[in-house]
Each structure stands twice: as structure tokens, then as C-alpha cells.
Amino acid sequence: MKISEAIQILNAEVHNAEKEQLDAEIKTARASDLMSEILASTEVPDMLLTGLTNAQVIRLASIFGIKAITIVRGKEVDPKIFLLAKEEKIVIMTTKYSLFTSCGKLYEKGINGEIINAPKPR
């Protein structure tokens, strides 16, 4: 799916993207408000969904090569964050949907998450 399609699915507002960025393909996404969870991932996602709106999210996405960040729950974002993301060539979008609903909508359209090999309960 293209980032532009994800924007439509999430009824999201884009804050800093160039047209060619919106044509980038996304196949995987991760969702968390704990950046340590993203750091612990074994795969690099194409998109990050979070309720966090600080510079650390942008820096983490830049280090990992994440193409897009979706800020959920209609949170207000400091314009400086949009500028930092633009410098790092990361698409930032905001949606009023919750984290859970956003993930469900993307999953329903074919975006996959990471399969964790957790031990089975005894």
C-alpha cells in the first residue's frame, strides 16, 4: 500500500510530505507509546503509529529508516516536530482514531505487524 492510501484509510491529515514521499510503499507497521518496544523489534517497520509527539520519535524513526509516523488520538503536535521530520524526510500524519482502531484499519487493508515468538503459557 502507498502512504497516500494509508492517509485515506486513517482519514489523516498530512503535515510535511512531498508528493514523491506519498507514493512510497508501506508493508509493515508497529504501534507503541513505548519507544523501547520499537527498539526491541526484530524487523524495521515502514510506518510507526504512536501517541507520542516528541523529538525522540522522529530521531528513532530516522535511525531505523521508518518512512512515516502516524500520531493518533488527535493529539496536538508542536510545529517544530513537523520541521524536524521534514528535515529527516519522514512523513508525519495525524488521525483522530485511537491507536487500536488505526492498527485495525491498516491491518484490515493488508498492513502487517511483527510476529513475536513468545513462549506459550503453561
PDB file of N, CA and C in Angstrom:
ATOM      1  N   MET A   1       0.841  -1.167   0.000  1.00  0.00           N
ATOM      2  CA  MET A   1       0.000   0.000   0.000  1.00  0.00           C
ATOM      3  C   MET A   1       0.892   1.239   0.000  1.00  0.00           C
ATOM      4  N   LYS A   2       0.444   2.280  -0.642  1.00  0.00           N
ATOM      5  CA  LYS A   2       1.177   3.541  -0.645  1.00  0.00           C
ATOM      6  C   LYS A   2       0.819   4.344   0.607  1.00  0.00           C
ATOM      7  N   ILE A   3       1.730   5.219   0.998  1.00  0.00           N
ATOM      8  CA  ILE A   3       1.453   6.091   2.144  1.00  0.00           C
ATOM      9  C   ILE A   3       0.181   6.892   1.890  1.00  0.00           C
ATOM     10  N   SER A   4      -0.027   7.332   0.664  1.00  0.00           N
ATOM     11  CA  SER A   4      -1.232   8.107   0.336  1.00  0.00           C
ATOM     12  C   SER A   4      -2.505   7.308   0.613  1.00  0.00           C
ATOM     13  N   GLU A   5      -2.468   6.002   0.411  1.00  0.00           N
ATOM     14  CA  GLU A   5      -3.629   5.158   0.707  1.00  0.00           C
ATOM     15  C   GLU A   5      -3.857   5.052   2.210  1.00  0.00           C
ATOM     16  N   ALA A   6      -2.779   4.926   2.967  1.00  0.00           N
ATOM     17  CA  ALA A   6      -2.897   4.872   4.431  1.00  0.00           C
ATOM     18  C   ALA A   6      -3.511   6.163   4.961  1.00  0.00           C
ATOM     19  N   ILE A   7      -3.149   7.275   4.362  1.00  0.00           N
ATOM     20  CA  ILE A   7      -3.705   8.571   4.760  1.00  0.00           C
ATOM     21  C   ILE A   7      -5.219   8.560   4.596  1.00  0.00           C
ATOM     22  N   GLN A   8      -5.686   8.038   3.476  1.00  0.00           N
ATOM     23  CA  GLN A   8      -7.133   7.972   3.238  1.00  0.00           C
ATOM     24  C   GLN A   8      -7.811   7.017   4.214  1.00  0.00           C
ATOM     25  N   ILE A   9      -7.224   5.850   4.426  1.00  0.00           N
ATOM     26  CA  ILE A   9      -7.808   4.850   5.329  1.00  0.00           C
ATOM     27  C   ILE A   9      -7.959   5.405   6.738  1.00  0.00           C
ATOM     28  N   LEU A  10      -6.964   6.164   7.185  1.00  0.00           N
ATOM     29  CA  LEU A  10      -6.971   6.702   8.547  1.00  0.00           C
ATOM     30  C   LEU A  10      -7.620   8.079   8.633  1.00  0.00           C
ATOM     31  N   ASN A  11      -8.128   8.565   7.492  1.00  0.00           N
ATOM     32  CA  ASN A  11      -8.714   9.906   7.460  1.00  0.00           C
ATOM     33  C   ASN A  11      -7.748  10.890   8.126  1.00  0.00           C
ATOM     34  N   ALA A  12      -6.485  10.776   7.742  1.00  0.00           N
ATOM     35  CA  ALA A  12      -5.407  11.511   8.405  1.00  0.00           C
ATOM     36  C   ALA A  12      -5.099  12.829   7.704  1.00  0.00           C
ATOM     37  N   GLU A  13      -4.498  13.714   8.470  1.00  0.00           N
ATOM     38  CA  GLU A  13      -4.015  14.986   7.946  1.00  0.00           C
ATOM     39  C   GLU A  13      -2.495  14.892   7.840  1.00  0.00           C
ATOM     40  N   VAL A  14      -1.973  15.224   6.657  1.00  0.00           N
ATOM     41  CA  VAL A  14      -0.527  15.177   6.429  1.00  0.00           C
ATOM     42  C   VAL A  14       0.040  16.564   6.693  1.00  0.00           C
ATOM     43  N   HIS A  15       1.207  16.591   7.334  1.00  0.00           N
ATOM     44  CA  HIS A  15       1.749  17.877   7.765  1.00  0.00           C
ATOM     45  C   HIS A  15       3.042  18.291   7.082  1.00  0.00           C
ATOM     46  N   ASN A  16       3.697  17.406   6.356  1.00  0.00           N
ATOM     47  CA  ASN A  16       5.026  17.793   5.873  1.00  0.00           C
ATOM     48  C   ASN A  16       5.519  17.042   4.648  1.00  0.00           C
ATOM     49  N   ALA A  17       4.687  16.354   3.920  1.00  0.00           N
ATOM     50  CA  ALA A  17       5.178  15.425   2.900  1.00  0.00           C
ATOM     51  C   ALA A  17       5.297  16.052   1.516  1.00  0.00           C
ATOM     52  N   GLU A  18       6.284  15.562   0.790  1.00  0.00           N
ATOM     53  CA  GLU A  18       6.427  15.852  -0.633  1.00  0.00           C
ATOM     54  C   GLU A  18       5.636  14.771  -1.386  1.00  0.00           C
ATOM     55  N   LYS A  19       5.195  15.094  -2.598  1.00  0.00           N
ATOM     56  CA  LYS A  19       4.366  14.151  -3.350  1.00  0.00           C
ATOM     57  C   LYS A  19       5.036  12.788  -3.526  1.00  0.00           C
ATOM     58  N   GLU A  20       6.337  12.789  -3.841  1.00  0.00           N
ATOM     59  CA  GLU A  20       7.014  11.502  -4.063  1.00  0.00           C
ATOM     60  C   GLU A  20       7.060  10.656  -2.791  1.00  0.00           C
ATOM     61  N   GLN A  21       7.060  11.295  -1.620  1.00  0.00           N
ATOM     62  CA  GLN A  21       7.031  10.533  -0.368  1.00  0.00           C
ATOM     63  C   GLN A  21       5.699   9.806  -0.210  1.00  0.00           C
ATOM     64  N   LEU A  22       4.627  10.412  -0.688  1.00  0.00           N
ATOM     65  CA  LEU A  22       3.300   9.810  -0.544  1.00  0.00           C
ATOM     66  C   LEU A  22       3.138   8.573  -1.416  1.00  0.00           C
ATOM     67  N   ASP A  23       4.006   8.420  -2.410  1.00  0.00           N
ATOM     68  CA  ASP A  23       3.970   7.247  -3.284  1.00  0.00           C
ATOM     69  C   ASP A  23       4.803   6.087  -2.744  1.00  0.00           C
ATOM     70  N   ALA A  24       5.507   6.303  -1.634  1.00  0.00           N
ATOM     71  CA  ALA A  24       6.333   5.237  -1.048  1.00  0.00           C
ATOM     72  C   ALA A  24       5.448   4.093  -0.558  1.00  0.00           C
ATOM     73  N   GLU A  25       5.940   2.883  -0.721  1.00  0.00           N
ATOM     74  CA  GLU A  25       5.210   1.685  -0.302  1.00  0.00           C
ATOM     75  C   GLU A  25       5.423   1.399   1.178  1.00  0.00           C
ATOM     76  N   ILE A  26       4.352   1.010   1.833  1.00  0.00           N
ATOM     77  CA  ILE A  26       4.450   0.514   3.206  1.00  0.00           C
ATOM     78  C   ILE A  26       3.824  -0.878   3.250  1.00  0.00           C
ATOM     79  N   LYS A  27       4.529  -1.780   3.896  1.00  0.00           N
ATOM     80  CA  LYS A  27       4.049  -3.156   4.036  1.00  0.00           C
ATOM     81  C   LYS A  27       3.879  -3.542   5.492  1.00  0.00           C
ATOM     82  N   THR A  28       4.662  -2.899   6.363  1.00  0.00           N
ATOM     83  CA  THR A  28       4.619  -3.252   7.784  1.00  0.00           C
ATOM     84  C   THR A  28       4.483  -2.001   8.640  1.00  0.00           C
ATOM     85  N   ALA A  29       3.913  -2.186   9.813  1.00  0.00           N
ATOM     86  CA  ALA A  29       3.762  -1.084  10.770  1.00  0.00           C
ATOM     87  C   ALA A  29       3.932  -1.625  12.179  1.00  0.00           C
ATOM     88  N   ARG A  30       4.341  -0.754  13.074  1.00  0.00           N
ATOM     89  CA  ARG A  30       4.424  -1.065  14.506  1.00  0.00           C
ATOM     90  C   ARG A  30       3.703   0.045  15.240  1.00  0.00           C
ATOM     91  N   ALA A  31       3.141  -0.290  16.378  1.00  0.00           N
ATOM     92  CA  ALA A  31       2.393   0.686  17.162  1.00  0.00           C
ATOM     93  C   ALA A  31       2.784   0.586  18.621  1.00  0.00           C
ATOM     94  N   SER A  32       3.161   1.722  19.195  1.00  0.00           N
ATOM     95  CA  SER A  32       3.501   1.735  20.615  1.00  0.00           C
ATOM     96  C   SER A  32       3.703   3.163  21.084  1.00  0.00           C
ATOM     97  N   ASP A  33       3.446   3.372  22.361  1.00  0.00           N
ATOM     98  CA  ASP A  33       3.810   4.627  23.009  1.00  0.00           C
ATOM     99  C   ASP A  33       5.103   4.451  23.793  1.00  0.00           C
ATOM    100  N   LEU A  34       5.664   3.265  23.754  1.00  0.00           N
ATOM    101  CA  LEU A  34       6.953   2.985  24.393  1.00  0.00           C
ATOM    102  C   LEU A  34       7.987   2.760  23.292  1.00  0.00           C
ATOM    103  N   MET A  35       8.905   3.674  23.154  1.00  0.00           N
ATOM    104  CA  MET A  35       9.899   3.547  22.093  1.00  0.00           C
ATOM    105  C   MET A  35      10.824   2.357  22.325  1.00  0.00           C
ATOM    106  N   SER A  36      10.934   1.897  23.558  1.00  0.00           N
ATOM    107  CA  SER A  36      11.739   0.700  23.822  1.00  0.00           C
ATOM    108  C   SER A  36      11.134  -0.518  23.125  1.00  0.00           C
ATOM    109  N   GLU A  37       9.823  -0.539  22.961  1.00  0.00           N
ATOM    110  CA  GLU A  37       9.171  -1.640  22.232  1.00  0.00           C
ATOM    111  C   GLU A  37       9.585  -1.631  20.762  1.00  0.00           C
ATOM    112  N   ILE A  38       9.691  -0.447  20.192  1.00  0.00           N
ATOM    113  CA  ILE A  38      10.105  -0.333  18.795  1.00  0.00           C
ATOM    114  C   ILE A  38      11.575  -0.719  18.659  1.00  0.00           C
ATOM    115  N   LEU A  39      12.391  -0.279  19.603  1.00  0.00           N
ATOM    116  CA  LEU A  39      13.815  -0.631  19.587  1.00  0.00           C
ATOM    117  C   LEU A  39      14.025  -2.136  19.688  1.00  0.00           C
ATOM    118  N   ALA A  40      13.123  -2.827  20.377  1.00  0.00           N
ATOM    119  CA  ALA A  40      13.249  -4.271  20.572  1.00  0.00           C
ATOM    120  C   ALA A  40      12.739  -5.074  19.377  1.00  0.00           C
ATOM    121  N   SER A  41      12.151  -4.412  18.396  1.00  0.00           N
ATOM    122  CA  SER A  41      11.630  -5.114  17.223  1.00  0.00           C
ATOM    123  C   SER A  41      12.755  -5.795  16.459  1.00  0.00           C
ATOM    124  N   THR A  42      12.444  -6.938  15.904  1.00  0.00           N
ATOM    125  CA  THR A  42      13.433  -7.648  15.093  1.00  0.00           C
ATOM    126  C   THR A  42      13.381  -7.213  13.635  1.00  0.00           C
ATOM    127  N   GLU A  43      12.317  -6.543  13.250  1.00  0.00           N
ATOM    128  CA  GLU A  43      12.163  -6.042  11.889  1.00  0.00           C
ATOM    129  C   GLU A  43      11.942  -4.534  11.936  1.00  0.00           C
ATOM    130  N   VAL A  44      12.412  -3.841  10.923  1.00  0.00           N
ATOM    131  CA  VAL A  44      12.189  -2.397  10.835  1.00  0.00           C
ATOM    132  C   VAL A  44      10.864  -2.166  10.119  1.00  0.00           C
ATOM    133  N   PRO A  45       9.930  -1.478  10.765  1.00  0.00           N
ATOM    134  CA  PRO A  45       8.643  -1.218  10.116  1.00  0.00           C
ATOM    135  C   PRO A  45       8.747  -0.061   9.123  1.00  0.00           C
ATOM    136  N   ASP A  46       7.808  -0.013   8.198  1.00  0.00           N
ATOM    137  CA  ASP A  46       7.724   1.112   7.271  1.00  0.00           C
ATOM    138  C   ASP A  46       7.006   2.292   7.916  1.00  0.00           C
ATOM    139  N   MET A  47       6.078   1.987   8.836  1.00  0.00           N
ATOM    140  CA  MET A  47       5.280   3.021   9.488  1.00  0.00           C
ATOM    141  C   MET A  47       5.245   2.786  10.988  1.00  0.00           C
ATOM    142  N   LEU A  48       5.265   3.877  11.736  1.00  0.00           N
ATOM    143  CA  LEU A  48       5.149   3.835  13.191  1.00  0.00           C
ATOM    144  C   LEU A  48       3.881   4.568  13.583  1.00  0.00           C
ATOM    145  N   LEU A  49       3.066   3.936  14.410  1.00  0.00           N
ATOM    146  CA  LEU A  49       1.873   4.579  14.959  1.00  0.00           C
ATOM    147  C   LEU A  49       2.091   4.781  16.446  1.00  0.00           C
ATOM    148  N   THR A  50       1.811   5.992  16.925  1.00  0.00           N
ATOM    149  CA  THR A  50       2.072   6.307  18.324  1.00  0.00           C
ATOM    150  C   THR A  50       1.247   7.511  18.769  1.00  0.00           C
ATOM    151  N   GLY A  51       1.133   7.665  20.064  1.00  0.00           N
ATOM    152  CA  GLY A  51       0.523   8.855  20.638  1.00  0.00           C
ATOM    153  C   GLY A  51       1.567   9.852  21.099  1.00  0.00           C
ATOM    154  N   LEU A  52       2.833   9.493  20.969  1.00  0.00           N
ATOM    155  CA  LEU A  52       3.918  10.380  21.393  1.00  0.00           C
ATOM    156  C   LEU A  52       4.163  11.465  20.349  1.00  0.00           C
ATOM    157  N   THR A  53       4.495  12.650  20.832  1.00  0.00           N
ATOM    158  CA  THR A  53       4.688  13.774  19.912  1.00  0.00           C
ATOM    159  C   THR A  53       6.019  14.488  20.148  1.00  0.00           C
ATOM    160  N   ASN A  54       7.009  13.774  20.625  1.00  0.00           N
ATOM    161  CA  ASN A  54       8.286  14.424  20.935  1.00  0.00           C
ATOM    162  C   ASN A  54       9.354  14.122  19.874  1.00  0.00           C
ATOM    163  N   ALA A  55      10.474  14.828  19.990  1.00  0.00           N
ATOM    164  CA  ALA A  55      11.554  14.704  19.008  1.00  0.00           C
ATOM    165  C   ALA A  55      12.188  13.318  19.007  1.00  0.00           C
ATOM    166  N   GLN A  56      12.141  12.610  20.127  1.00  0.00           N
ATOM    167  CA  GLN A  56      12.743  11.277  20.188  1.00  0.00           C
ATOM    168  C   GLN A  56      12.083  10.318  19.191  1.00  0.00           C
ATOM    169  N   VAL A  57      10.798  10.498  18.960  1.00  0.00           N
ATOM    170  CA  VAL A  57      10.092   9.645  17.996  1.00  0.00           C
ATOM    171  C   VAL A  57      10.675   9.861  16.599  1.00  0.00           C
ATOM    172  N   ILE A  58      10.911  11.116  16.244  1.00  0.00           N
ATOM    173  CA  ILE A  58      11.471  11.432  14.929  1.00  0.00           C
ATOM    174  C   ILE A  58      12.891  10.884  14.818  1.00  0.00           C
ATOM    175  N   ARG A  59      13.667  11.050  15.851  1.00  0.00           N
ATOM    176  CA  ARG A  59      15.058  10.572  15.823  1.00  0.00           C
ATOM    177  C   ARG A  59      15.115   9.050  15.685  1.00  0.00           C
ATOM    178  N   LEU A  60      14.261   8.356  16.425  1.00  0.00           N
ATOM    179  CA  LEU A  60      14.211   6.899  16.327  1.00  0.00           C
ATOM    180  C   LEU A  60      13.822   6.485  14.912  1.00  0.00           C
ATOM    181  N   ALA A  61      12.806   7.127  14.360  1.00  0.00           N
ATOM    182  CA  ALA A  61      12.362   6.804  13.003  1.00  0.00           C
ATOM    183  C   ALA A  61      13.477   7.056  11.993  1.00  0.00           C
ATOM    184  N   SER A  62      14.220   8.117  12.187  1.00  0.00           N
ATOM    185  CA  SER A  62      15.321   8.440  11.283  1.00  0.00           C
ATOM    186  C   SER A  62      16.418   7.377  11.342  1.00  0.00           C
ATOM    187  N   ILE A  63      16.778   6.969  12.538  1.00  0.00           N
ATOM    188  CA  ILE A  63      17.822   5.949  12.714  1.00  0.00           C
ATOM    189  C   ILE A  63      17.422   4.633  12.047  1.00  0.00           C
ATOM    190  N   PHE A  64      16.149   4.257  12.184  1.00  0.00           N
ATOM    191  CA  PHE A  64      15.682   2.976  11.661  1.00  0.00           C
ATOM    192  C   PHE A  64      15.238   3.038  10.202  1.00  0.00           C
ATOM    193  N   GLY A  65      15.103   4.222   9.640  1.00  0.00           N
ATOM    194  CA  GLY A  65      14.651   4.333   8.257  1.00  0.00           C
ATOM    195  C   GLY A  65      13.152   4.171   8.100  1.00  0.00           C
ATOM    196  N   ILE A  66      12.406   4.508   9.125  1.00  0.00           N
ATOM    197  CA  ILE A  66      10.941   4.443   9.073  1.00  0.00           C
ATOM    198  C   ILE A  66      10.449   5.568   8.163  1.00  0.00           C
ATOM    199  N   LYS A  67       9.539   5.236   7.248  1.00  0.00           N
ATOM    200  CA  LYS A  67       9.092   6.191   6.238  1.00  0.00           C
ATOM    201  C   LYS A  67       8.023   7.160   6.731  1.00  0.00           C
ATOM    202  N   ALA A  68       7.171   6.702   7.636  1.00  0.00           N
ATOM    203  CA  ALA A  68       6.033   7.527   8.052  1.00  0.00           C
ATOM    204  C   ALA A  68       5.698   7.295   9.519  1.00  0.00           C
ATOM    205  N   ILE A  69       5.223   8.352  10.154  1.00  0.00           N
ATOM    206  CA  ILE A  69       4.756   8.283  11.538  1.00  0.00           C
ATOM    207  C   ILE A  69       3.322   8.783  11.567  1.00  0.00           C
ATOM    208  N   THR A  70       2.461   8.015  12.207  1.00  0.00           N
ATOM    209  CA  THR A  70       1.080   8.433  12.412  1.00  0.00           C
ATOM    210  C   THR A  70       0.888   8.735  13.888  1.00  0.00           C
ATOM    211  N   ILE A  71       0.503   9.970  14.180  1.00  0.00           N
ATOM    212  CA  ILE A  71       0.194  10.389  15.544  1.00  0.00           C
ATOM    213  C   ILE A  71      -1.306  10.192  15.727  1.00  0.00           C
ATOM    214  N   VAL A  72      -1.679   9.403  16.722  1.00  0.00           N
ATOM    215  CA  VAL A  72      -3.080   9.022  16.919  1.00  0.00           C
ATOM    216  C   VAL A  72      -3.766   9.883  17.985  1.00  0.00           C
ATOM    217  N   ARG A  73      -5.053   9.642  18.132  1.00  0.00           N
ATOM    218  CA  ARG A  73      -5.906  10.271  19.152  1.00  0.00           C
ATOM    219  C   ARG A  73      -6.052  11.785  18.973  1.00  0.00           C
ATOM    220  N   GLY A  74      -5.806  12.287  17.773  1.00  0.00           N
ATOM    221  CA  GLY A  74      -5.998  13.708  17.503  1.00  0.00           C
ATOM    222  C   GLY A  74      -5.113  14.631  18.316  1.00  0.00           C
ATOM    223  N   LYS A  75      -3.962  14.138  18.716  1.00  0.00           N
ATOM    224  CA  LYS A  75      -3.063  14.930  19.563  1.00  0.00           C
ATOM    225  C   LYS A  75      -2.498  16.141  18.820  1.00  0.00           C
ATOM    226  N   GLU A  76      -2.322  17.215  19.582  1.00  0.00           N
ATOM    227  CA  GLU A  76      -1.666  18.420  19.065  1.00  0.00           C
ATOM    228  C   GLU A  76      -0.164  18.150  18.971  1.00  0.00           C
ATOM    229  N   VAL A  77       0.447  18.633  17.913  1.00  0.00           N
ATOM    230  CA  VAL A  77       1.879  18.418  17.703  1.00  0.00           C
ATOM    231  C   VAL A  77       2.558  19.774  17.532  1.00  0.00           C
ATOM    232  N   ASP A  78       3.653  19.957  18.234  1.00  0.00           N
ATOM    233  CA  ASP A  78       4.444  21.182  18.118  1.00  0.00           C
ATOM    234  C   ASP A  78       4.962  21.294  16.683  1.00  0.00           C
ATOM    235  N   PRO A  79       4.785  22.447  16.037  1.00  0.00           N
ATOM    236  CA  PRO A  79       5.269  22.616  14.658  1.00  0.00           C
ATOM    237  C   PRO A  79       6.759  22.306  14.484  1.00  0.00           C
ATOM    238  N   LYS A  80       7.547  22.437  15.530  1.00  0.00           N
ATOM    239  CA  LYS A  80       8.979  22.108  15.447  1.00  0.00           C
ATOM    240  C   LYS A  80       9.181  20.628  15.121  1.00  0.00           C
ATOM    241  N   ILE A  81       8.263  19.792  15.576  1.00  0.00           N
ATOM    242  CA  ILE A  81       8.340  18.353  15.295  1.00  0.00           C
ATOM    243  C   ILE A  81       8.137  18.114  13.800  1.00  0.00           C
ATOM    244  N   PHE A  82       7.195  18.845  13.197  1.00  0.00           N
ATOM    245  CA  PHE A  82       6.971  18.710  11.756  1.00  0.00           C
ATOM    246  C   PHE A  82       8.210  19.131  10.970  1.00  0.00           C
ATOM    247  N   LEU A  83       8.858  20.191  11.415  1.00  0.00           N
ATOM    248  CA  LEU A  83      10.081  20.653  10.738  1.00  0.00           C
ATOM    249  C   LEU A  83      11.202  19.628  10.850  1.00  0.00           C
ATOM    250  N   LEU A  84      11.367  19.061  12.037  1.00  0.00           N
ATOM    251  CA  LEU A  84      12.394  18.036  12.234  1.00  0.00           C
ATOM    252  C   LEU A  84      12.122  16.827  11.338  1.00  0.00           C
ATOM    253  N   ALA A  85      10.868  16.406  11.277  1.00  0.00           N
ATOM    254  CA  ALA A  85      10.502  15.267  10.428  1.00  0.00           C
ATOM    255  C   ALA A  85      10.754  15.579   8.954  1.00  0.00           C
ATOM    256  N   LYS A  86      10.451  16.802   8.548  1.00  0.00           N
ATOM    257  CA  LYS A  86      10.693  17.186   7.157  1.00  0.00           C
ATOM    258  C   LYS A  86      12.184  17.131   6.839  1.00  0.00           C
ATOM    259  N   GLU A  87      13.015  17.616   7.766  1.00  0.00           N
ATOM    260  CA  GLU A  87      14.468  17.552   7.579  1.00  0.00           C
ATOM    261  C   GLU A  87      14.943  16.109   7.426  1.00  0.00           C
ATOM    262  N   GLU A  88      14.312  15.206   8.163  1.00  0.00           N
ATOM    263  CA  GLU A  88      14.691  13.788   8.136  1.00  0.00           C
ATOM    264  C   GLU A  88      13.965  13.007   7.038  1.00  0.00           C
ATOM    265  N   LYS A  89      13.118  13.702   6.274  1.00  0.00           N
ATOM    266  CA  LYS A  89      12.349  13.091   5.177  1.00  0.00           C
ATOM    267  C   LYS A  89      11.413  11.983   5.670  1.00  0.00           C
ATOM    268  N   ILE A  90      10.756  12.264   6.786  1.00  0.00           N
ATOM    269  CA  ILE A  90       9.782  11.332   7.364  1.00  0.00           C
ATOM    270  C   ILE A  90       8.406  11.980   7.276  1.00  0.00           C
ATOM    271  N   VAL A  91       7.452  11.264   6.714  1.00  0.00           N
ATOM    272  CA  VAL A  91       6.083  11.769   6.616  1.00  0.00           C
ATOM    273  C   VAL A  91       5.441  11.728   8.001  1.00  0.00           C
ATOM    274  N   ILE A  92       4.802  12.834   8.382  1.00  0.00           N
ATOM    275  CA  ILE A  92       4.050  12.881   9.641  1.00  0.00           C
ATOM    276  C   ILE A  92       2.592  13.110   9.300  1.00  0.00           C
ATOM    277  N   MET A  93       1.746  12.261   9.852  1.00  0.00           N
ATOM    278  CA  MET A  93       0.304  12.447   9.694  1.00  0.00           C
ATOM    279  C   MET A  93      -0.356  12.311  11.058  1.00  0.00           C
ATOM    280  N   THR A  94      -1.504  12.936  11.191  1.00  0.00           N
ATOM    281  CA  THR A  94      -2.266  12.818  12.434  1.00  0.00           C
ATOM    282  C   THR A  94      -3.660  12.301  12.107  1.00  0.00           C
ATOM    283  N   THR A  95      -4.183  11.493  13.019  1.00  0.00           N
ATOM    284  CA  THR A  95      -5.534  10.968  12.873  1.00  0.00           C
ATOM    285  C   THR A  95      -6.260  11.082  14.205  1.00  0.00           C
ATOM    286  N   LYS A  96      -7.564  11.177  14.127  1.00  0.00           N
ATOM    287  CA  LYS A  96      -8.363  11.241  15.354  1.00  0.00           C
ATOM    288  C   LYS A  96      -8.676   9.844  15.891  1.00  0.00           C
ATOM    289  N   TYR A  97      -8.391   8.823  15.092  1.00  0.00           N
ATOM    290  CA  TYR A  97      -8.636   7.458  15.551  1.00  0.00           C
ATOM    291  C   TYR A  97      -7.688   7.097  16.697  1.00  0.00           C
ATOM    292  N   SER A  98      -8.128   6.154  17.514  1.00  0.00           N
ATOM    293  CA  SER A  98      -7.266   5.626  18.581  1.00  0.00           C
ATOM    294  C   SER A  98      -6.162   4.768  17.962  1.00  0.00           C
ATOM    295  N   LEU A  99      -5.190   4.418  18.768  1.00  0.00           N
ATOM    296  CA  LEU A  99      -4.108   3.542  18.313  1.00  0.00           C
ATOM    297  C   LEU A  99      -4.681   2.194  17.877  1.00  0.00           C
ATOM    298  N   PHE A 100      -5.572   1.647  18.677  1.00  0.00           N
ATOM    299  CA  PHE A 100      -6.182   0.347  18.390  1.00  0.00           C
ATOM    300  C   PHE A 100      -6.952   0.381  17.068  1.00  0.00           C
ATOM    301  N   THR A 101      -7.803   1.383  16.903  1.00  0.00           N
ATOM    302  CA  THR A 101      -8.606   1.485  15.686  1.00  0.00           C
ATOM    303  C   THR A 101      -7.725   1.711  14.461  1.00  0.00           C
ATOM    304  N   SER A 102      -6.723   2.551  14.597  1.00  0.00           N
ATOM    305  CA  SER A 102      -5.810   2.818  13.473  1.00  0.00           C
ATOM    306  C   SER A 102      -5.120   1.541  13.016  1.00  0.00           C
ATOM    307  N   CYS A 103      -4.629   0.773  13.974  1.00  0.00           N
ATOM    308  CA  CYS A 103      -3.971  -0.500  13.643  1.00  0.00           C
ATOM    309  C   CYS A 103      -4.939  -1.448  12.950  1.00  0.00           C
ATOM    310  N   GLY A 104      -6.147  -1.532  13.473  1.00  0.00           N
ATOM    311  CA  GLY A 104      -7.151  -2.417  12.891  1.00  0.00           C
ATOM    312  C   GLY A 104      -7.481  -2.051  11.460  1.00  0.00           C
ATOM    313  N   LYS A 105      -7.633  -0.775  11.197  1.00  0.00           N
ATOM    314  CA  LYS A 105      -7.954  -0.323   9.844  1.00  0.00           C
ATOM    315  C   LYS A 105      -6.826  -0.656   8.865  1.00  0.00           C
ATOM    316  N   LEU A 106      -5.589  -0.462   9.287  1.00  0.00           N
ATOM    317  CA  LEU A 106      -4.458  -0.780   8.410  1.00  0.00           C
ATOM    318  C   LEU A 106      -4.301  -2.290   8.226  1.00  0.00           C
ATOM    319  N   TYR A 107      -4.478  -3.040   9.296  1.00  0.00           N
ATOM    320  CA  TYR A 107      -4.371  -4.500   9.219  1.00  0.00           C
ATOM    321  C   TYR A 107      -5.434  -5.060   8.266  1.00  0.00           C
ATOM    322  N   GLU A 108      -6.632  -4.525   8.375  1.00  0.00           N
ATOM    323  CA  GLU A 108      -7.740  -4.958   7.519  1.00  0.00           C
ATOM    324  C   GLU A 108      -7.415  -4.766   6.035  1.00  0.00           C
ATOM    325  N   LYS A 109      -6.571  -3.788   5.734  1.00  0.00           N
ATOM    326  CA  LYS A 109      -6.202  -3.493   4.347  1.00  0.00           C
ATOM    327  C   LYS A 109      -4.870  -4.118   3.938  1.00  0.00           C
ATOM    328  N   GLY A 110      -4.310  -4.981   4.808  1.00  0.00           N
ATOM    329  CA  GLY A 110      -3.135  -5.746   4.404  1.00  0.00           C
ATOM    330  C   GLY A 110      -1.806  -5.343   5.010  1.00  0.00           C
ATOM    331  N   ILE A 111      -1.790  -4.345   5.876  1.00  0.00           N
ATOM    332  CA  ILE A 111      -0.536  -3.962   6.537  1.00  0.00           C
ATOM    333  C   ILE A 111      -0.287  -4.937   7.679  1.00  0.00           C
ATOM    334  N   ASN A 112       0.907  -5.489   7.723  1.00  0.00           N
ATOM    335  CA  ASN A 112       1.237  -6.497   8.730  1.00  0.00           C
ATOM    336  C   ASN A 112       2.075  -5.920   9.855  1.00  0.00           C
ATOM    337  N   GLY A 113       1.988  -6.580  10.995  1.00  0.00           N
ATOM    338  CA  GLY A 113       2.826  -6.261  12.141  1.00  0.00           C
ATOM    339  C   GLY A 113       3.882  -7.338  12.284  1.00  0.00           C
ATOM    340  N   GLU A 114       4.615  -7.266  13.352  1.00  0.00           N
ATOM    341  CA  GLU A 114       5.675  -8.237  13.621  1.00  0.00           C
ATOM    342  C   GLU A 114       5.105  -9.420  14.398  1.00  0.00           C
ATOM    343  N   ILE A 115       5.498 -10.618  14.014  1.00  0.00           N
ATOM    344  CA  ILE A 115       5.095 -11.812  14.753  1.00  0.00           C
ATOM    345  C   ILE A 115       6.152 -12.072  15.809  1.00  0.00           C
ATOM    346  N   ILE A 116       5.740 -12.046  17.041  1.00  0.00           N
ATOM    347  CA  ILE A 116       6.652 -12.262  18.162  1.00  0.00           C
ATOM    348  C   ILE A 116       6.562 -13.723  18.583  1.00  0.00           C
ATOM    349  N   ASN A 117       7.690 -14.374  18.701  1.00  0.00           N
ATOM    350  CA  ASN A 117       7.724 -15.768  19.149  1.00  0.00           C
ATOM    351  C   ASN A 117       7.773 -15.815  20.669  1.00  0.00           C
ATOM    352  N   ALA A 118       6.654 -15.529  21.263  1.00  0.00           N
ATOM    353  CA  ALA A 118       6.569 -15.526  22.723  1.00  0.00           C
ATOM    354  C   ALA A 118       6.395 -16.955  23.231  1.00  0.00           C
ATOM    355  N   PRO A 119       6.913 -17.250  24.418  1.00  0.00           N
ATOM    356  CA  PRO A 119       6.710 -18.583  24.983  1.00  0.00           C
ATOM    357  C   PRO A 119       5.234 -18.824  25.273  1.00  0.00           C
ATOM    358  N   LYS A 120       4.818 -20.054  25.091  1.00  0.00           N
ATOM    359  CA  LYS A 120       3.417 -20.407  25.355  1.00  0.00           C
ATOM    360  C   LYS A 120       3.186 -20.520  26.855  1.00  0.00           C
ATOM    361  N   PRO A 121       2.002 -20.098  27.310  1.00  0.00           N
ATOM    362  CA  PRO A 121       1.706 -20.225  28.744  1.00  0.00           C
ATOM    363  C   PRO A 121       1.652 -21.691  29.157  1.00  0.00           C
ATOM    364  N   ARG A 122       1.998 -21.949  30.395  1.00  0.00           N
ATOM    365  CA  ARG A 122       1.998 -23.338  30.889  1.00  0.00           C
ATOM    366  C   ARG A 122       0.650 -23.755  31.365  1.00  0.00           C
TER     367      ARG A 122
END
